[in-house]
Amino acid sequence: MRRMKVLPAGVLLLTSITALPEIEKVGRVCGSGICPAWWPKLDPISGWHHEDEASFANNANVQVPDGFTFSNAQTVIYARALYKPRNPETTSLAVLIGDDRADFLKENPSVEISKLSPLKTKDGQALETYTFFPKATGAWEEVSYGEDGDFYLIFTISSRSRVGFVGSLPVYERYIAQYKK
C-alpha cells in the first residue's frame, strides 16, 4: 500500500520537472542583497564555454570560443530571457522586435536589416530571425526572437568581422536548435 502512494508522487515530481521551461533562474550577491538573473539554458558545445562574469554583467547567457573572454573574442553568442512583467511597455513580440530594430538604426543608421527564414528550437518553435550587418564598420549580428511563457527570448550572434560571423554561425544555430520550452 505504501509503495502505491510513493509511485504517483514520484511520477508527479518527474512530470513537473520535465515540464519546466529551459530558463535558468540564478541569483548572485550584489550591493542590494541578491540580484536575480535569468536566461535561456544552453548546453555546452565543444570549443565554446559559458562566461559567468559577462553573463551577469549583461543579464544574458554569454558563450565565447575557448581560449577567449567576452571582451577579447572576435565572436560571441548570447541568449537573453526578458521577463514580461518587468517589461510592461513591451506588449508583444512584434513590439520587442520593432524596438530592437529602431535601437539598431539609432546606433548605426546605415545598418542593413534583413529578415531571414525562422530558426527552429528543439521543440519546433520558429524564432523570427534578422541580420543586422554594417555597411562600413560595426558588428555583424544575427538575432532570433521568440517567447517562452512569461519570457521573451532573444538569441544573438555578434562578431567583429564577417569571417568570424560566418565561421561561428553553425554554432549559433546549434545553440538555438537545442533550446526547448
Protein backbone atom coordinates (compact mmCIF):
# COMPACT_ATOMS: atom_id res chain seq x y z
CA MET A 1 0.00 0.00 0.00
CA ARG A 2 2.76 2.43 0.92
CA ARG A 3 4.52 1.77 -2.40
CA MET A 4 1.43 2.80 -4.37
CA LYS A 5 1.41 6.24 -2.70
CA VAL A 6 5.10 6.86 -3.37
CA LEU A 7 4.94 5.95 -7.05
CA PRO A 8 2.32 8.54 -8.05
CA ALA A 9 4.16 11.26 -6.10
CA GLY A 10 7.39 10.36 -7.90
CA VAL A 11 5.64 10.44 -11.27
CA LEU A 12 4.13 13.84 -10.46
CA LEU A 13 7.54 15.19 -9.42
CA LEU A 14 9.17 13.87 -12.59
CA THR A 15 6.36 15.30 -14.73
CA SER A 16 6.64 18.72 -13.11
CA ILE A 17 10.43 18.77 -13.52
CA THR A 18 10.28 17.87 -17.21
CA ALA A 19 7.57 20.48 -17.79
CA LEU A 20 9.75 23.33 -16.53
CA PRO A 21 10.87 25.81 -19.18
CA GLU A 22 14.52 25.88 -20.09
CA ILE A 23 15.06 29.26 -18.44
CA GLU A 24 17.84 29.29 -15.87
CA LYS A 25 16.97 31.42 -12.86
CA VAL A 26 20.06 32.33 -10.90
CA GLY A 27 20.99 34.80 -8.21
CA ARG A 28 24.14 36.48 -7.12
CA VAL A 29 25.15 38.57 -4.15
CA CYS A 30 25.27 42.22 -5.14
CA GLY A 31 25.17 45.66 -3.49
CA SER A 32 21.47 45.45 -2.67
CA GLY A 33 21.45 41.81 -1.49
CA ILE A 34 20.65 39.12 -4.03
CA CYS A 35 20.33 40.16 -7.66
CA PRO A 36 18.28 37.76 -9.78
CA ALA A 37 19.12 36.90 -13.36
CA TRP A 38 17.53 34.58 -15.88
CA TRP A 39 18.49 33.45 -19.31
CA PRO A 40 17.84 30.56 -21.71
CA LYS A 41 19.64 27.40 -20.68
CA LEU A 42 22.27 26.41 -23.25
CA ASP A 43 24.13 23.14 -23.03
CA PRO A 44 27.87 23.27 -23.73
CA ILE A 45 29.06 23.00 -27.31
CA SER A 46 32.57 21.75 -27.93
CA GLY A 47 35.00 24.62 -28.45
CA TRP A 48 32.81 27.16 -26.60
CA HIS A 49 32.24 27.97 -22.94
CA HIS A 50 29.93 29.96 -20.67
CA GLU A 51 31.34 33.26 -19.35
CA ASP A 52 29.92 33.73 -15.86
CA GLU A 53 31.02 37.34 -15.21
CA ALA A 54 29.92 38.59 -18.63
CA SER A 55 26.61 36.75 -18.25
CA PHE A 56 25.77 38.53 -15.01
CA ALA A 57 27.02 41.88 -16.30
CA ASN A 58 24.83 41.61 -19.42
CA ASN A 59 21.93 39.61 -17.95
CA ALA A 60 22.40 37.01 -20.68
CA ASN A 61 23.84 33.54 -21.10
CA VAL A 62 27.13 34.52 -22.76
CA GLN A 63 29.06 31.92 -24.75
CA VAL A 64 32.55 32.52 -26.16
CA PRO A 65 35.09 30.40 -28.02
CA ASP A 66 37.53 28.51 -25.81
CA GLY A 67 40.72 30.45 -25.20
CA PHE A 68 38.92 33.81 -25.28
CA THR A 69 36.88 36.00 -22.98
CA PHE A 70 33.82 38.10 -23.72
CA SER A 71 35.98 41.21 -24.06
CA ASN A 72 38.58 39.79 -26.45
CA ALA A 73 36.64 37.25 -28.53
CA GLN A 74 36.05 38.11 -32.17
CA THR A 75 32.62 36.47 -31.98
CA VAL A 76 30.25 35.91 -29.05
CA ILE A 77 26.88 34.26 -28.74
CA TYR A 78 24.41 35.18 -26.06
CA ALA A 79 20.84 34.40 -25.10
CA ARG A 80 18.53 36.62 -23.07
CA ALA A 81 15.18 35.99 -21.42
CA LEU A 82 13.22 39.18 -20.77
CA TYR A 83 10.64 38.69 -18.02
CA LYS A 84 7.41 40.10 -19.45
CA PRO A 85 6.04 41.52 -16.15
CA ARG A 86 9.22 43.61 -15.78
CA ASN A 87 8.79 44.98 -19.31
CA PRO A 88 5.13 46.07 -19.44
CA GLU A 89 5.80 48.52 -22.30
CA THR A 90 6.71 45.55 -24.50
CA THR A 91 3.20 44.30 -25.19
CA SER A 92 4.07 41.72 -27.85
CA LEU A 93 6.92 40.04 -29.67
CA ALA A 94 6.30 42.37 -32.62
CA VAL A 95 6.80 45.40 -30.34
CA LEU A 96 10.04 43.90 -28.98
CA ILE A 97 11.38 43.31 -32.49
CA GLY A 98 10.32 46.78 -33.65
CA ASP A 99 12.01 48.43 -30.68
CA ASP A 100 15.18 46.39 -31.24
CA ARG A 101 15.29 47.34 -34.93
CA ALA A 102 14.84 51.02 -34.01
CA ASP A 103 17.68 50.76 -31.46
CA PHE A 104 20.00 49.24 -34.07
CA LEU A 105 19.19 52.01 -36.56
CA LYS A 106 19.63 54.70 -33.90
CA GLU A 107 23.07 53.33 -33.05
CA ASN A 108 24.09 52.89 -36.70
CA PRO A 109 21.71 54.45 -39.28
CA SER A 110 23.46 52.69 -42.16
CA VAL A 111 22.99 49.16 -40.77
CA GLU A 112 21.34 46.78 -43.24
CA ILE A 113 18.50 44.83 -41.65
CA SER A 114 17.24 41.69 -43.37
CA LYS A 115 14.60 39.21 -42.30
CA LEU A 116 15.66 35.57 -42.68
CA SER A 117 13.80 32.28 -42.53
CA PRO A 118 12.96 31.42 -38.94
CA LEU A 119 15.34 29.23 -36.93
CA LYS A 120 13.68 26.38 -35.04
CA THR A 121 14.18 25.35 -31.45
CA LYS A 122 14.31 21.72 -30.30
CA ASP A 123 10.56 21.73 -29.65
CA GLY A 124 9.78 23.27 -33.06
CA GLN A 125 9.22 26.92 -32.10
CA ALA A 126 10.06 29.12 -35.09
CA LEU A 127 12.13 32.10 -33.95
CA GLU A 128 11.85 35.26 -36.05
CA THR A 129 15.37 35.91 -37.27
CA TYR A 130 17.06 39.05 -38.61
CA THR A 131 20.56 40.05 -39.63
CA PHE A 132 21.99 43.44 -38.77
CA PHE A 133 25.02 43.97 -41.00
CA PRO A 134 27.19 47.09 -41.14
CA LYS A 135 27.72 48.83 -44.45
CA ALA A 136 31.11 50.08 -43.28
CA THR A 137 32.15 49.43 -39.68
CA GLY A 138 30.37 47.75 -36.81
CA ALA A 139 29.33 44.33 -35.61
CA TRP A 140 27.91 41.59 -37.82
CA GLU A 141 24.88 40.29 -35.94
CA GLU A 142 22.04 37.85 -36.28
CA VAL A 143 19.20 37.97 -33.77
CA SER A 144 16.43 35.43 -33.26
CA TYR A 145 13.31 36.25 -31.24
CA GLY A 146 10.70 34.06 -29.58
CA GLU A 147 8.63 33.51 -26.46
CA ASP A 148 8.62 31.02 -23.61
CA GLY A 149 5.72 31.55 -21.21
CA ASP A 150 6.39 34.74 -19.21
CA PHE A 151 9.61 35.42 -21.13
CA TYR A 152 10.65 36.92 -24.43
CA LEU A 153 13.68 35.10 -25.85
CA ILE A 154 16.49 36.85 -27.71
CA PHE A 155 19.36 34.81 -29.15
CA THR A 156 22.24 36.78 -30.69
CA ILE A 157 25.49 36.10 -32.50
CA SER A 158 27.73 39.15 -32.70
CA SER A 159 31.06 39.33 -34.48
CA ARG A 160 33.63 42.00 -35.20
CA SER A 161 34.09 40.58 -38.71
CA ARG A 162 32.13 38.86 -41.44
CA VAL A 163 34.61 35.96 -41.40
CA GLY A 164 34.07 35.45 -37.66
CA PHE A 165 30.32 35.70 -38.11
CA VAL A 166 30.15 33.15 -40.93
CA GLY A 167 32.57 30.78 -39.16
CA SER A 168 30.53 30.77 -35.93
CA LEU A 169 27.05 30.72 -37.44
CA PRO A 170 26.75 26.90 -37.28
CA VAL A 171 27.44 27.06 -33.52
CA TYR A 172 24.75 29.74 -33.09
CA GLU A 173 22.26 27.57 -34.98
CA ARG A 174 23.16 24.57 -32.79
CA TYR A 175 22.53 26.59 -29.61
CA ILE A 176 19.08 27.55 -30.87
CA ALA A 177 18.32 24.00 -32.06
CA GLN A 178 19.00 22.60 -28.57
CA TYR A 179 16.70 25.07 -26.75
CA LYS A 180 13.25 23.87 -25.72
CA LYS A 181 10.42 25.25 -23.65
